[in-house]
Amino acid sequence: RYRSIEAPYQREPMIVASDPRVRLMVLMWASQLGKSTIVENIIGRA
């Protein structure tokens, strides 16, 4: 089971991606920090 407490910095991008006022979000991150997990969660919820 996914638990954001393991990587709490992933929380805000997922909250922002849910805001209907946001049309474009940009993540400039180092590798191995969980960008793919955020992408997958956005897709899964959709």
PDB file of all heavy atoms in Angstrom:
ATOM      1  N   ARG A   1       0.827  -1.207   0.000  1.00  0.00           N
ATOM      2  CA  ARG A   1       0.000   0.000   0.000  1.00  0.00           C
ATOM      3  C   ARG A   1       0.863   1.259   0.000  1.00  0.00           C
ATOM      4  O   ARG A   1       1.837   1.362   0.743  1.00  0.00           O
ATOM      5  CB  ARG A   1      -0.934  -0.004   1.215  1.00  0.00           C
ATOM      6  CG  ARG A   1      -1.921   1.159   1.195  1.00  0.00           C
ATOM      7  CD  ARG A   1      -2.838   1.125   2.397  1.00  0.00           C
ATOM      8  NE  ARG A   1      -3.786   0.025   2.324  1.00  0.00           N
ATOM      9  CZ  ARG A   1      -4.936   0.085   1.657  1.00  0.00           C
ATOM     10  NH1 ARG A   1      -5.254   1.178   0.976  1.00  0.00           N
ATOM     11  NH2 ARG A   1      -5.761  -0.941   1.660  1.00  0.00           N
ATOM     12  N   TYR A   2       0.463   2.220  -0.836  1.00  0.00           N
ATOM     13  CA  TYR A   2       1.182   3.488  -0.902  1.00  0.00           C
ATOM     14  C   TYR A   2       0.973   4.281   0.381  1.00  0.00           C
ATOM     15  O   TYR A   2      -0.139   4.426   0.873  1.00  0.00           O
ATOM     16  CB  TYR A   2       0.691   4.314  -2.094  1.00  0.00           C
ATOM     17  CG  TYR A   2       1.295   5.703  -2.140  1.00  0.00           C
ATOM     18  CD1 TYR A   2       2.569   5.901  -2.648  1.00  0.00           C
ATOM     19  CD2 TYR A   2       0.587   6.803  -1.647  1.00  0.00           C
ATOM     20  CE1 TYR A   2       3.132   7.176  -2.667  1.00  0.00           C
ATOM     21  CE2 TYR A   2       1.144   8.072  -1.668  1.00  0.00           C
ATOM     22  CZ  TYR A   2       2.422   8.254  -2.180  1.00  0.00           C
ATOM     23  OH  TYR A   2       2.976   9.504  -2.201  1.00  0.00           O
ATOM     24  N   ARG A   3       2.077   4.812   0.919  1.00  0.00           N
ATOM     25  CA  ARG A   3       2.035   5.636   2.132  1.00  0.00           C
ATOM     26  C   ARG A   3       2.899   6.871   1.901  1.00  0.00           C
ATOM     27  O   ARG A   3       4.116   6.768   1.798  1.00  0.00           O
ATOM     28  CB  ARG A   3       2.532   4.840   3.342  1.00  0.00           C
ATOM     29  CG  ARG A   3       1.701   3.612   3.650  1.00  0.00           C
ATOM     30  CD  ARG A   3       2.342   2.715   4.706  1.00  0.00           C
ATOM     31  NE  ARG A   3       2.363   3.346   6.012  1.00  0.00           N
ATOM     32  CZ  ARG A   3       3.466   3.706   6.666  1.00  0.00           C
ATOM     33  NH1 ARG A   3       4.661   3.518   6.103  1.00  0.00           N
ATOM     34  NH2 ARG A   3       3.403   4.254   7.852  1.00  0.00           N
ATOM     35  N   SER A   4       2.280   8.028   1.837  1.00  0.00           N
ATOM     36  CA  SER A   4       3.041   9.238   1.518  1.00  0.00           C
ATOM     37  C   SER A   4       3.988   9.639   2.639  1.00  0.00           C
ATOM     38  O   SER A   4       4.896  10.449   2.409  1.00  0.00           O
ATOM     39  CB  SER A   4       2.087  10.399   1.207  1.00  0.00           C
ATOM     40  OG  SER A   4       1.359  10.780   2.360  1.00  0.00           O
ATOM     41  N   ILE A   5       3.811   9.076   3.833  1.00  0.00           N
ATOM     42  CA  ILE A   5       4.716   9.413   4.929  1.00  0.00           C
ATOM     43  C   ILE A   5       6.140   8.979   4.609  1.00  0.00           C
ATOM     44  O   ILE A   5       7.112   9.502   5.161  1.00  0.00           O
ATOM     45  CB  ILE A   5       4.238   8.765   6.252  1.00  0.00           C
ATOM     46  CG1 ILE A   5       4.968   9.407   7.441  1.00  0.00           C
ATOM     47  CG2 ILE A   5       4.421   7.245   6.240  1.00  0.00           C
ATOM     48  CD1 ILE A   5       4.426   8.997   8.790  1.00  0.00           C
ATOM     49  N   GLU A   6       6.292   8.004   3.708  1.00  0.00           N
ATOM     50  CA  GLU A   6       7.632   7.565   3.306  1.00  0.00           C
ATOM     51  C   GLU A   6       8.327   8.595   2.425  1.00  0.00           C
ATOM     52  O   GLU A   6       9.549   8.600   2.309  1.00  0.00           O
ATOM     53  CB  GLU A   6       7.540   6.220   2.562  1.00  0.00           C
ATOM     54  CG  GLU A   6       6.884   5.099   3.358  1.00  0.00           C
ATOM     55  CD  GLU A   6       7.669   4.721   4.594  1.00  0.00           C
ATOM     56  OE1 GLU A   6       8.880   5.030   4.649  1.00  0.00           O
ATOM     57  OE2 GLU A   6       7.085   4.116   5.515  1.00  0.00           O
ATOM     58  N   ALA A   7       7.566   9.454   1.768  1.00  0.00           N
ATOM     59  CA  ALA A   7       8.127  10.514   0.908  1.00  0.00           C
ATOM     60  C   ALA A   7       7.169  11.700   0.944  1.00  0.00           C
ATOM     61  O   ALA A   7       6.479  11.977  -0.031  1.00  0.00           O
ATOM     62  CB  ALA A   7       8.330  10.010  -0.514  1.00  0.00           C
ATOM     63  N   PRO A   8       7.096  12.413   2.066  1.00  0.00           N
ATOM     64  CA  PRO A   8       6.075  13.448   2.233  1.00  0.00           C
ATOM     65  C   PRO A   8       6.190  14.610   1.254  1.00  0.00           C
ATOM     66  O   PRO A   8       5.207  15.321   1.037  1.00  0.00           O
ATOM     67  CB  PRO A   8       6.272  13.909   3.681  1.00  0.00           C
ATOM     68  CG  PRO A   8       7.641  13.464   4.057  1.00  0.00           C
ATOM     69  CD  PRO A   8       7.897  12.217   3.283  1.00  0.00           C
ATOM     70  N   TYR A   9       7.355  14.782   0.645  1.00  0.00           N
ATOM     71  CA  TYR A   9       7.501  15.863  -0.342  1.00  0.00           C
ATOM     72  C   TYR A   9       6.698  15.576  -1.614  1.00  0.00           C
ATOM     73  O   TYR A   9       6.539  16.457  -2.463  1.00  0.00           O
ATOM     74  CB  TYR A   9       8.979  16.064  -0.698  1.00  0.00           C
ATOM     75  CG  TYR A   9       9.676  14.798  -1.133  1.00  0.00           C
ATOM     76  CD1 TYR A   9       9.599  14.358  -2.437  1.00  0.00           C
ATOM     77  CD2 TYR A   9      10.391  14.028  -0.219  1.00  0.00           C
ATOM     78  CE1 TYR A   9      10.217  13.183  -2.833  1.00  0.00           C
ATOM     79  CE2 TYR A   9      11.005  12.857  -0.595  1.00  0.00           C
ATOM     80  CZ  TYR A   9      10.919  12.434  -1.907  1.00  0.00           C
ATOM     81  OH  TYR A   9      11.525  11.271  -2.295  1.00  0.00           O
ATOM     82  N   GLN A  10       6.206  14.350  -1.765  1.00  0.00           N
ATOM     83  CA  GLN A  10       5.361  14.027  -2.920  1.00  0.00           C
ATOM     84  C   GLN A  10       3.929  14.528  -2.736  1.00  0.00           C
ATOM     85  O   GLN A  10       3.157  14.555  -3.703  1.00  0.00           O
ATOM     86  CB  GLN A  10       5.331  12.513  -3.138  1.00  0.00           C
ATOM     87  CG  GLN A  10       6.660  11.905  -3.523  1.00  0.00           C
ATOM     88  CD  GLN A  10       6.598  10.391  -3.627  1.00  0.00           C
ATOM     89  OE1 GLN A  10       5.550   9.786  -3.418  1.00  0.00           O
ATOM     90  NE2 GLN A  10       7.711   9.775  -3.946  1.00  0.00           N
ATOM     91  N   ARG A  11       3.565  14.938  -1.534  1.00  0.00           N
ATOM     92  CA  ARG A  11       2.162  15.259  -1.257  1.00  0.00           C
ATOM     93  C   ARG A  11       1.662  16.480  -2.008  1.00  0.00           C
ATOM     94  O   ARG A  11       0.607  16.452  -2.633  1.00  0.00           O
ATOM     95  CB  ARG A  11       1.973  15.462   0.250  1.00  0.00           C
ATOM     96  CG  ARG A  11       2.112  14.195   1.070  1.00  0.00           C
ATOM     97  CD  ARG A  11       2.136  14.496   2.558  1.00  0.00           C
ATOM     98  NE  ARG A  11       2.221  13.268   3.363  1.00  0.00           N
ATOM     99  CZ  ARG A  11       2.577  13.234   4.632  1.00  0.00           C
ATOM    100  NH1 ARG A  11       2.897  14.368   5.248  1.00  0.00           N
ATOM    101  NH2 ARG A  11       2.627  12.092   5.286  1.00  0.00           N
ATOM    102  N   GLU A  12       2.404  17.589  -1.926  1.00  0.00           N
ATOM    103  CA  GLU A  12       1.884  18.834  -2.512  1.00  0.00           C
ATOM    104  C   GLU A  12       1.646  18.727  -4.011  1.00  0.00           C
ATOM    105  O   GLU A  12       0.599  19.184  -4.487  1.00  0.00           O
ATOM    106  CB  GLU A  12       2.810  20.013  -2.205  1.00  0.00           C
ATOM    107  CG  GLU A  12       2.217  21.324  -2.696  1.00  0.00           C
ATOM    108  CD  GLU A  12       3.028  22.539  -2.293  1.00  0.00           C
ATOM    109  OE1 GLU A  12       4.112  22.381  -1.716  1.00  0.00           O
ATOM    110  OE2 GLU A  12       2.564  23.651  -2.571  1.00  0.00           O
ATOM    111  N   PRO A  13       2.561  18.147  -4.801  1.00  0.00           N
ATOM    112  CA  PRO A  13       2.256  18.031  -6.230  1.00  0.00           C
ATOM    113  C   PRO A  13       0.964  17.261  -6.513  1.00  0.00           C
ATOM    114  O   PRO A  13       0.229  17.609  -7.443  1.00  0.00           O
ATOM    115  CB  PRO A  13       3.477  17.293  -6.786  1.00  0.00           C
ATOM    116  CG  PRO A  13       4.574  17.611  -5.844  1.00  0.00           C
ATOM    117  CD  PRO A  13       3.930  17.697  -4.493  1.00  0.00           C
ATOM    118  N   MET A  14       0.669  16.248  -5.711  1.00  0.00           N
ATOM    119  CA  MET A  14      -0.562  15.486  -5.936  1.00  0.00           C
ATOM    120  C   MET A  14      -1.799  16.298  -5.565  1.00  0.00           C
ATOM    121  O   MET A  14      -2.846  16.193  -6.215  1.00  0.00           O
ATOM    122  CB  MET A  14      -0.512  14.172  -5.158  1.00  0.00           C
ATOM    123  CG  MET A  14       0.468  13.173  -5.737  1.00  0.00           C
ATOM    124  SD  MET A  14       0.343  11.527  -5.005  1.00  0.00           S
ATOM    125  CE  MET A  14       1.221  11.791  -3.455  1.00  0.00           C
ATOM    126  N   ILE A  15      -1.680  17.133  -4.535  1.00  0.00           N
ATOM    127  CA  ILE A  15      -2.794  18.016  -4.175  1.00  0.00           C
ATOM    128  C   ILE A  15      -3.001  19.071  -5.251  1.00  0.00           C
ATOM    129  O   ILE A  15      -4.129  19.356  -5.666  1.00  0.00           O
ATOM    130  CB  ILE A  15      -2.535  18.663  -2.796  1.00  0.00           C
ATOM    131  CG1 ILE A  15      -2.537  17.587  -1.703  1.00  0.00           C
ATOM    132  CG2 ILE A  15      -3.572  19.730  -2.491  1.00  0.00           C
ATOM    133  CD1 ILE A  15      -2.084  18.079  -0.344  1.00  0.00           C
ATOM    134  N   VAL A  16      -1.905  19.664  -5.732  1.00  0.00           N
ATOM    135  CA  VAL A  16      -1.988  20.692  -6.774  1.00  0.00           C
ATOM    136  C   VAL A  16      -2.579  20.118  -8.057  1.00  0.00           C
ATOM    137  O   VAL A  16      -3.397  20.757  -8.731  1.00  0.00           O
ATOM    138  CB  VAL A  16      -0.603  21.304  -7.035  1.00  0.00           C
ATOM    139  CG1 VAL A  16      -0.623  22.198  -8.267  1.00  0.00           C
ATOM    140  CG2 VAL A  16      -0.130  22.086  -5.819  1.00  0.00           C
ATOM    141  N   ALA A  17      -2.187  18.894  -8.394  1.00  0.00           N
ATOM    142  CA  ALA A  17      -2.688  18.268  -9.625  1.00  0.00           C
ATOM    143  C   ALA A  17      -4.188  18.028  -9.579  1.00  0.00           C
ATOM    144  O   ALA A  17      -4.818  17.833 -10.625  1.00  0.00           O
ATOM    145  CB  ALA A  17      -1.965  16.947  -9.873  1.00  0.00           C
ATOM    146  N   SER A  18      -4.772  18.062  -8.384  1.00  0.00           N
ATOM    147  CA  SER A  18      -6.209  17.835  -8.226  1.00  0.00           C
ATOM    148  C   SER A  18      -7.015  19.128  -8.278  1.00  0.00           C
ATOM    149  O   SER A  18      -8.246  19.085  -8.298  1.00  0.00           O
ATOM    150  CB  SER A  18      -6.476  17.134  -6.886  1.00  0.00           C
ATOM    151  OG  SER A  18      -5.606  16.048  -6.678  1.00  0.00           O
ATOM    152  N   ASP A  19      -6.332  20.266  -8.278  1.00  0.00           N
ATOM    153  CA  ASP A  19      -7.006  21.566  -8.257  1.00  0.00           C
ATOM    154  C   ASP A  19      -7.523  21.885  -9.657  1.00  0.00           C
ATOM    155  O   ASP A  19      -6.726  21.993 -10.599  1.00  0.00           O
ATOM    156  CB  ASP A  19      -6.009  22.638  -7.801  1.00  0.00           C
ATOM    157  CG  ASP A  19      -6.662  23.986  -7.555  1.00  0.00           C
ATOM    158  OD1 ASP A  19      -7.707  24.284  -8.178  1.00  0.00           O
ATOM    159  OD2 ASP A  19      -6.124  24.764  -6.744  1.00  0.00           O
ATOM    160  N   PRO A  20      -8.832  22.043  -9.844  1.00  0.00           N
ATOM    161  CA  PRO A  20      -9.372  22.294 -11.197  1.00  0.00           C
ATOM    162  C   PRO A  20      -8.893  23.593 -11.813  1.00  0.00           C
ATOM    163  O   PRO A  20      -9.007  23.780 -13.023  1.00  0.00           O
ATOM    164  CB  PRO A  20     -10.893  22.299 -10.973  1.00  0.00           C
ATOM    165  CG  PRO A  20     -11.074  22.607  -9.521  1.00  0.00           C
ATOM    166  CD  PRO A  20      -9.900  21.992  -8.820  1.00  0.00           C
ATOM    167  N   ARG A  21      -8.338  24.499 -11.006  1.00  0.00           N
ATOM    168  CA  ARG A  21      -7.827  25.766 -11.549  1.00  0.00           C
ATOM    169  C   ARG A  21      -6.451  25.597 -12.183  1.00  0.00           C
ATOM    170  O   ARG A  21      -6.004  26.474 -12.934  1.00  0.00           O
ATOM    171  CB  ARG A  21      -7.746  26.811 -10.440  1.00  0.00           C
ATOM    172  CG  ARG A  21      -9.081  27.160  -9.800  1.00  0.00           C
ATOM    173  CD  ARG A  21      -8.884  27.977  -8.540  1.00  0.00           C
ATOM    174  NE  ARG A  21      -8.137  27.221  -7.529  1.00  0.00           N
ATOM    175  CZ  ARG A  21      -7.772  27.710  -6.359  1.00  0.00           C
ATOM    176  NH1 ARG A  21      -8.077  28.959  -6.042  1.00  0.00           N
ATOM    177  NH2 ARG A  21      -7.104  26.955  -5.492  1.00  0.00           N
ATOM    178  N   VAL A  22      -5.765  24.502 -11.878  1.00  0.00           N
ATOM    179  CA  VAL A  22      -4.410  24.274 -12.387  1.00  0.00           C
ATOM    180  C   VAL A  22      -4.496  23.551 -13.722  1.00  0.00           C
ATOM    181  O   VAL A  22      -5.026  22.446 -13.820  1.00  0.00           O
ATOM    182  CB  VAL A  22      -3.573  23.452 -11.387  1.00  0.00           C
ATOM    183  CG1 VAL A  22      -2.206  23.115 -11.971  1.00  0.00           C
ATOM    184  CG2 VAL A  22      -3.426  24.213 -10.070  1.00  0.00           C
ATOM    185  N   ARG A  23      -3.950  24.158 -14.747  1.00  0.00           N
ATOM    186  CA  ARG A  23      -3.986  23.564 -16.084  1.00  0.00           C
ATOM    187  C   ARG A  23      -2.635  23.008 -16.508  1.00  0.00           C
ATOM    188  O   ARG A  23      -2.555  22.184 -17.406  1.00  0.00           O
ATOM    189  CB  ARG A  23      -4.445  24.626 -17.103  1.00  0.00           C
ATOM    190  CG  ARG A  23      -5.786  25.250 -16.772  1.00  0.00           C
ATOM    191  CD  ARG A  23      -6.925  24.256 -16.878  1.00  0.00           C
ATOM    192  NE  ARG A  23      -7.061  23.768 -18.219  1.00  0.00           N
ATOM    193  CZ  ARG A  23      -7.728  24.439 -19.191  1.00  0.00           C
ATOM    194  NH1 ARG A  23      -8.295  25.601 -18.917  1.00  0.00           N
ATOM    195  NH2 ARG A  23      -7.813  23.948 -20.392  1.00  0.00           N
ATOM    196  N   LEU A  24      -1.556  23.500 -15.878  1.00  0.00           N
ATOM    197  CA  LEU A  24      -0.210  23.026 -16.204  1.00  0.00           C
ATOM    198  C   LEU A  24       0.610  22.945 -14.922  1.00  0.00           C
ATOM    199  O   LEU A  24       0.673  23.904 -14.158  1.00  0.00           O
ATOM    200  CB  LEU A  24       0.479  23.978 -17.190  1.00  0.00           C
ATOM    201  CG  LEU A  24       1.975  23.749 -17.437  1.00  0.00           C
ATOM    202  CD1 LEU A  24       2.223  22.385 -18.075  1.00  0.00           C
ATOM    203  CD2 LEU A  24       2.560  24.852 -18.301  1.00  0.00           C
ATOM    204  N   MET A  25       1.239  21.793 -14.691  1.00  0.00           N
ATOM    205  CA  MET A  25       2.142  21.632 -13.557  1.00  0.00           C
ATOM    206  C   MET A  25       3.479  21.132 -14.081  1.00  0.00           C
ATOM    207  O   MET A  25       3.522  20.253 -14.956  1.00  0.00           O
ATOM    208  CB  MET A  25       1.569  20.647 -12.532  1.00  0.00           C
ATOM    209  CG  MET A  25       2.439  20.505 -11.281  1.00  0.00           C
ATOM    210  SD  MET A  25       1.624  19.631  -9.929  1.00  0.00           S
ATOM    211  CE  MET A  25       1.718  17.944 -10.526  1.00  0.00           C
ATOM    212  N   VAL A  26       4.562  21.684 -13.545  1.00  0.00           N
ATOM    213  CA  VAL A  26       5.911  21.337 -13.978  1.00  0.00           C
ATOM    214  C   VAL A  26       6.697  20.830 -12.772  1.00  0.00           C
ATOM    215  O   VAL A  26       6.746  21.488 -11.735  1.00  0.00           O
ATOM    216  CB  VAL A  26       6.640  22.559 -14.596  1.00  0.00           C
ATOM    217  CG1 VAL A  26       8.074  22.199 -14.958  1.00  0.00           C
ATOM    218  CG2 VAL A  26       5.883  23.056 -15.824  1.00  0.00           C
ATOM    219  N   LEU A  27       7.300  19.660 -12.913  1.00  0.00           N
ATOM    220  CA  LEU A  27       8.155  19.105 -11.865  1.00  0.00           C
ATOM    221  C   LEU A  27       9.574  18.984 -12.394  1.00  0.00           C
ATOM    222  O   LEU A  27       9.840  18.176 -13.281  1.00  0.00           O
ATOM    223  CB  LEU A  27       7.649  17.723 -11.424  1.00  0.00           C
ATOM    224  CG  LEU A  27       6.246  17.648 -10.824  1.00  0.00           C
ATOM    225  CD1 LEU A  27       5.930  16.205 -10.442  1.00  0.00           C
ATOM    226  CD2 LEU A  27       6.106  18.567  -9.623  1.00  0.00           C
ATOM    227  N   MET A  28      10.478  19.808 -11.887  1.00  0.00           N
ATOM    228  CA  MET A  28      11.898  19.715 -12.207  1.00  0.00           C
ATOM    229  C   MET A  28      12.576  19.110 -10.983  1.00  0.00           C
ATOM    230  O   MET A  28      12.904  19.817 -10.021  1.00  0.00           O
ATOM    231  CB  MET A  28      12.483  21.094 -12.548  1.00  0.00           C
ATOM    232  CG  MET A  28      13.943  21.038 -12.970  1.00  0.00           C
ATOM    233  SD  MET A  28      14.610  22.624 -13.569  1.00  0.00           S
ATOM    234  CE  MET A  28      14.676  23.578 -12.046  1.00  0.00           C
ATOM    235  N   TRP A  29      12.766  17.802 -11.011  1.00  0.00           N
ATOM    236  CA  TRP A  29      13.256  17.063  -9.848  1.00  0.00           C
ATOM    237  C   TRP A  29      14.499  16.272 -10.199  1.00  0.00           C
ATOM    238  O   TRP A  29      14.703  15.877 -11.348  1.00  0.00           O
ATOM    239  CB  TRP A  29      12.194  16.085  -9.363  1.00  0.00           C
ATOM    240  CG  TRP A  29      11.043  16.700  -8.629  1.00  0.00           C
ATOM    241  CD1 TRP A  29      10.614  18.000  -8.709  1.00  0.00           C
ATOM    242  CD2 TRP A  29      10.165  16.050  -7.725  1.00  0.00           C
ATOM    243  NE1 TRP A  29       9.528  18.197  -7.899  1.00  0.00           N
ATOM    244  CE2 TRP A  29       9.226  17.009  -7.284  1.00  0.00           C
ATOM    245  CE3 TRP A  29      10.069  14.756  -7.249  1.00  0.00           C
ATOM    246  CZ2 TRP A  29       8.213  16.707  -6.383  1.00  0.00           C
ATOM    247  CZ3 TRP A  29       9.055  14.457  -6.351  1.00  0.00           C
ATOM    248  CH2 TRP A  29       8.143  15.419  -5.924  1.00  0.00           C
ATOM    249  N   ALA A  30      15.285  15.984  -9.180  1.00  0.00           N
ATOM    250  CA  ALA A  30      16.390  15.036  -9.346  1.00  0.00           C
ATOM    251  C   ALA A  30      15.814  13.637  -9.561  1.00  0.00           C
ATOM    252  O   ALA A  30      14.630  13.383  -9.311  1.00  0.00           O
ATOM    253  CB  ALA A  30      17.282  15.062  -8.110  1.00  0.00           C
ATOM    254  N   SER A  31      16.639  12.730 -10.025  1.00  0.00           N
ATOM    255  CA  SER A  31      16.185  11.363 -10.267  1.00  0.00           C
ATOM    256  C   SER A  31      15.994  10.618  -8.947  1.00  0.00           C
ATOM    257  O   SER A  31      16.537  11.000  -7.905  1.00  0.00           O
ATOM    258  CB  SER A  31      17.195  10.614 -11.146  1.00  0.00           C
ATOM    259  OG  SER A  31      18.445  10.540 -10.490  1.00  0.00           O
ATOM    260  N   GLN A  32      15.190   9.552  -9.004  1.00  0.00           N
ATOM    261  CA  GLN A  32      14.950   8.658  -7.868  1.00  0.00           C
ATOM    262  C   GLN A  32      14.278   9.350  -6.682  1.00  0.00           C
ATOM    263  O   GLN A  32      14.510   8.989  -5.536  1.00  0.00           O
ATOM    264  CB  GLN A  32      16.269   8.008  -7.409  1.00  0.00           C
ATOM    265  CG  GLN A  32      16.980   7.210  -8.484  1.00  0.00           C
ATOM    266  CD  GLN A  32      16.125   6.066  -9.009  1.00  0.00           C
ATOM    267  OE1 GLN A  32      15.545   5.333  -8.246  1.00  0.00           O
ATOM    268  NE2 GLN A  32      16.056   5.928 -10.326  1.00  0.00           N
ATOM    269  N   LEU A  33      13.439  10.330  -6.962  1.00  0.00           N
ATOM    270  CA  LEU A  33      12.690  10.994  -5.889  1.00  0.00           C
ATOM    271  C   LEU A  33      11.194  10.707  -5.955  1.00  0.00           C
ATOM    272  O   LEU A  33      10.447  11.161  -5.097  1.00  0.00           O
ATOM    273  CB  LEU A  33      12.919  12.510  -5.930  1.00  0.00           C
ATOM    274  CG  LEU A  33      14.298  12.995  -5.496  1.00  0.00           C
ATOM    275  CD1 LEU A  33      14.385  14.513  -5.582  1.00  0.00           C
ATOM    276  CD2 LEU A  33      14.628  12.535  -4.084  1.00  0.00           C
ATOM    277  N   GLY A  34      10.754   9.983  -6.965  1.00  0.00           N
ATOM    278  CA  GLY A  34       9.352   9.587  -7.007  1.00  0.00           C
ATOM    279  C   GLY A  34       8.492  10.330  -8.009  1.00  0.00           C
ATOM    280  O   GLY A  34       7.266  10.344  -7.873  1.00  0.00           O
ATOM    281  N   LYS A  35       9.096  10.954  -9.029  1.00  0.00           N
ATOM    282  CA  LYS A  35       8.278  11.587 -10.064  1.00  0.00           C
ATOM    283  C   LYS A  35       7.332  10.573 -10.693  1.00  0.00           C
ATOM    284  O   LYS A  35       6.159  10.860 -10.934  1.00  0.00           O
ATOM    285  CB  LYS A  35       9.163  12.197 -11.161  1.00  0.00           C
ATOM    286  CG  LYS A  35      10.026  13.357 -10.726  1.00  0.00           C
ATOM    287  CD  LYS A  35      10.661  14.077 -11.925  1.00  0.00           C
ATOM    288  CE  LYS A  35      11.458  13.189 -12.846  1.00  0.00           C
ATOM    289  NZ  LYS A  35      12.638  12.570 -12.201  1.00  0.00           N
ATOM    290  N   SER A  36       7.863   9.382 -10.984  1.00  0.00           N
ATOM    291  CA  SER A  36       7.037   8.360 -11.639  1.00  0.00           C
ATOM    292  C   SER A  36       5.860   7.950 -10.765  1.00  0.00           C
ATOM    293  O   SER A  36       4.753   7.704 -11.260  1.00  0.00           O
ATOM    294  CB  SER A  36       7.878   7.133 -11.990  1.00  0.00           C
ATOM    295  OG  SER A  36       8.818   7.430 -12.994  1.00  0.00           O
ATOM    296  N   THR A  37       6.072   7.883  -9.455  1.00  0.00           N
ATOM    297  CA  THR A  37       4.986   7.516  -8.548  1.00  0.00           C
ATOM    298  C   THR A  37       3.881   8.564  -8.586  1.00  0.00           C
ATOM    299  O   THR A  37       2.689   8.234  -8.595  1.00  0.00           O
ATOM    300  CB  THR A  37       5.522   7.356  -7.118  1.00  0.00           C
ATOM    301  OG1 THR A  37       6.512   6.323  -7.105  1.00  0.00           O
ATOM    302  CG2 THR A  37       4.407   6.992  -6.159  1.00  0.00           C
ATOM    303  N   ILE A  38       4.259   9.839  -8.631  1.00  0.00           N
ATOM    304  CA  ILE A  38       3.265  10.906  -8.722  1.00  0.00           C
ATOM    305  C   ILE A  38       2.497  10.797 -10.028  1.00  0.00           C
ATOM    306  O   ILE A  38       1.261  10.898 -10.054  1.00  0.00           O
ATOM    307  CB  ILE A  38       3.946  12.286  -8.601  1.00  0.00           C
ATOM    308  CG1 ILE A  38       4.510  12.465  -7.188  1.00  0.00           C
ATOM    309  CG2 ILE A  38       2.966  13.415  -8.923  1.00  0.00           C
ATOM    310  CD1 ILE A  38       5.364  13.703  -7.023  1.00  0.00           C
ATOM    311  N   VAL A  39       3.215  10.582 -11.129  1.00  0.00           N
ATOM    312  CA  VAL A  39       2.564  10.418 -12.433  1.00  0.00           C
ATOM    313  C   VAL A  39       1.562   9.274 -12.379  1.00  0.00           C
ATOM    314  O   VAL A  39       0.413   9.385 -12.835  1.00  0.00           O
ATOM    315  CB  VAL A  39       3.622  10.161 -13.528  1.00  0.00           C
ATOM    316  CG1 VAL A  39       2.967   9.672 -14.816  1.00  0.00           C
ATOM    317  CG2 VAL A  39       4.434  11.426 -13.790  1.00  0.00           C
ATOM    318  N   GLU A  40       1.982   8.149 -11.840  1.00  0.00           N
ATOM    319  CA  GLU A  40       1.111   6.970 -11.773  1.00  0.00           C
ATOM    320  C   GLU A  40      -0.116   7.239 -10.908  1.00  0.00           C
ATOM    321  O   GLU A  40      -1.229   6.810 -11.256  1.00  0.00           O
ATOM    322  CB  GLU A  40       1.895   5.782 -11.222  1.00  0.00           C
ATOM    323  CG  GLU A  40       2.997   5.295 -12.130  1.00  0.00           C
ATOM    324  CD  GLU A  40       4.149   4.666 -11.375  1.00  0.00           C
ATOM    325  OE1 GLU A  40       3.957   4.265 -10.209  1.00  0.00           O
ATOM    326  OE2 GLU A  40       5.242   4.604 -11.943  1.00  0.00           O
ATOM    327  N   ASN A  41       0.055   7.937  -9.801  1.00  0.00           N
ATOM    328  CA  ASN A  41      -1.087   8.221  -8.933  1.00  0.00           C
ATOM    329  C   ASN A  41      -2.087   9.152  -9.620  1.00  0.00           C
ATOM    330  O   ASN A  41      -3.307   8.991  -9.458  1.00  0.00           O
ATOM    331  CB  ASN A  41      -0.615   8.830  -7.615  1.00  0.00           C
ATOM    332  CG  ASN A  41       0.094   7.818  -6.730  1.00  0.00           C
ATOM    333  OD1 ASN A  41      -0.026   6.616  -6.927  1.00  0.00           O
ATOM    334  ND2 ASN A  41       0.844   8.302  -5.763  1.00  0.00           N
ATOM    335  N   ILE A  42      -1.591  10.121 -10.377  1.00  0.00           N
ATOM    336  CA  ILE A  42      -2.483  11.000 -11.139  1.00  0.00           C
ATOM    337  C   ILE A  42      -3.284  10.179 -12.142  1.00  0.00           C
ATOM    338  O   ILE A  42      -4.502  10.344 -12.283  1.00  0.00           O
ATOM    339  CB  ILE A  42      -1.675  12.105 -11.839  1.00  0.00           C
ATOM    340  CG1 ILE A  42      -1.113  13.094 -10.806  1.00  0.00           C
ATOM    341  CG2 ILE A  42      -2.530  12.842 -12.865  1.00  0.00           C
ATOM    342  CD1 ILE A  42      -0.132  14.093 -11.377  1.00  0.00           C
ATOM    343  N   ILE A  43      -2.614   9.268 -12.817  1.00  0.00           N
ATOM    344  CA  ILE A  43      -3.286   8.421 -13.809  1.00  0.00           C
ATOM    345  C   ILE A  43      -4.283   7.483 -13.125  1.00  0.00           C
ATOM    346  O   ILE A  43      -5.420   7.321 -13.586  1.00  0.00           O
ATOM    347  CB  ILE A  43      -2.243   7.611 -14.605  1.00  0.00           C
ATOM    348  CG1 ILE A  43      -1.430   8.550 -15.497  1.00  0.00           C
ATOM    349  CG2 ILE A  43      -2.912   6.513 -15.443  1.00  0.00           C
ATOM    350  CD1 ILE A  43      -0.227   7.888 -16.137  1.00  0.00           C
ATOM    351  N   GLY A  44      -3.864   6.854 -12.036  1.00  0.00           N
ATOM    352  CA  GLY A  44      -4.738   5.915 -11.352  1.00  0.00           C
ATOM    353  C   GLY A  44      -6.014   6.558 -10.862  1.00  0.00           C
ATOM    354  O   GLY A  44      -7.117   6.022 -11.040  1.00  0.00           O
ATOM    355  N   ARG A  45      -5.891   7.725 -10.257  1.00  0.00           N
ATOM    356  CA  ARG A  45      -7.082   8.421  -9.775  1.00  0.00           C
ATOM    357  C   ARG A  45      -7.991   8.810 -10.933  1.00  0.00           C
ATOM    358  O   ARG A  45      -9.222   8.710 -10.838  1.00  0.00           O
ATOM    359  CB  ARG A  45      -6.655   9.644  -8.982  1.00  0.00           C
ATOM    360  CG  ARG A  45      -7.807  10.402  -8.312  1.00  0.00           C
ATOM    361  CD  ARG A  45      -8.027  11.724  -9.014  1.00  0.00           C
ATOM    362  NE  ARG A  45      -8.830  12.640  -8.219  1.00  0.00           N
ATOM    363  CZ  ARG A  45      -9.105  13.882  -8.605  1.00  0.00           C
ATOM    364  NH1 ARG A  45      -8.613  14.348  -9.746  1.00  0.00           N
ATOM    365  NH2 ARG A  45      -9.864  14.659  -7.870  1.00  0.00           N
ATOM    366  N   ALA A  46      -7.408   9.245 -12.060  1.00  0.00           N
ATOM    367  CA  ALA A  46      -8.222   9.614 -13.212  1.00  0.00           C
ATOM    368  C   ALA A  46      -8.995   8.414 -13.754  1.00  0.00           C
ATOM    369  O   ALA A  46     -10.187   8.507 -14.045  1.00  0.00           O
ATOM    370  CB  ALA A  46      -7.330  10.205 -14.305  1.00  0.00           C
TER     371      ALA A  46
END
